[in-house]
Amino acid sequence: MSCEHLICAACAGPVVEGRCPVCREGRAKVHHHGFMGLSPLVIALIVLLVVALVALTHVSGY
């Protein structure tokens, strides 16, 4: 979803400009990020690294 075409009910300005606190909050909700502010790609890379490390420790344990 994009906030390019959304109009703020509080200030009647485009939400994308973030003129008032209501605009900024709405823009933040539309453009939310993944867990703890990380992008989904970074989260996927972290999960992949953890799986690889677990696999390496499991293989080296034998």
Protein backbone atom coordinates (compact mmCIF):
# COMPACT_ATOMS: atom_id res chain seq x y z
CA MET A 1 0.00 0.00 0.00
CA SER A 2 1.16 3.53 -0.72
CA CYS A 3 0.32 6.80 0.98
CA GLU A 4 0.87 8.90 -2.15
CA HIS A 5 -2.86 9.39 -2.74
CA LEU A 6 -4.03 9.57 0.88
CA ILE A 7 -5.31 12.89 2.22
CA CYS A 8 -5.06 13.68 5.93
CA ALA A 9 -8.38 14.32 7.68
CA ALA A 10 -6.71 16.66 10.19
CA CYS A 11 -4.83 19.08 7.92
CA ALA A 12 -6.24 18.19 4.45
CA GLY A 13 -2.70 17.79 3.12
CA PRO A 14 -1.16 14.77 1.42
CA VAL A 15 -0.13 12.16 4.00
CA VAL A 16 3.14 11.58 2.16
CA GLU A 17 4.28 15.12 3.07
CA GLY A 18 3.75 14.54 6.81
CA ARG A 19 2.63 18.09 7.61
CA CYS A 20 1.06 17.31 10.98
CA PRO A 21 1.42 14.61 13.67
CA VAL A 22 -1.62 12.77 12.31
CA CYS A 23 -0.01 12.63 8.83
CA ARG A 24 3.28 11.38 10.24
CA GLU A 25 1.57 8.67 12.27
CA GLY A 26 -0.49 7.57 9.28
CA ARG A 27 2.58 7.48 7.06
CA ALA A 28 4.44 5.42 9.66
CA LYS A 29 1.57 2.91 9.81
CA VAL A 30 1.46 2.54 6.03
CA HIS A 31 5.23 2.19 5.71
CA HIS A 32 5.80 -0.08 8.68
CA HIS A 33 8.81 -2.33 8.80
CA GLY A 34 9.26 -5.87 9.95
CA PHE A 35 10.21 -7.13 13.37
CA MET A 36 12.09 -4.50 15.43
CA GLY A 37 12.28 -2.12 12.48
CA LEU A 38 14.22 -4.56 10.31
CA SER A 39 13.26 -5.18 6.73
CA PRO A 40 11.90 -8.62 5.82
CA LEU A 41 15.02 -9.28 3.71
CA VAL A 42 17.34 -8.71 6.67
CA ILE A 43 15.18 -10.95 8.85
CA ALA A 44 15.30 -13.70 6.22
CA LEU A 45 19.10 -13.41 6.00
CA ILE A 46 19.44 -13.66 9.78
CA VAL A 47 17.23 -16.75 9.86
CA LEU A 48 19.24 -18.30 7.03
CA LEU A 49 22.51 -17.64 8.87
CA VAL A 50 21.18 -19.18 12.07
CA VAL A 51 20.00 -22.28 10.19
CA ALA A 52 23.41 -22.58 8.47
CA LEU A 53 25.25 -22.26 11.80
CA VAL A 54 23.03 -24.89 13.42
CA ALA A 55 23.61 -27.21 10.46
CA LEU A 56 27.38 -26.72 10.65
CA THR A 57 27.51 -27.40 14.39
CA HIS A 58 25.30 -30.45 13.94
CA VAL A 59 27.50 -31.88 11.15
CA SER A 60 30.76 -31.16 12.99
CA GLY A 61 29.40 -32.83 16.14
CA TYR A 62 29.61 -36.31 14.55
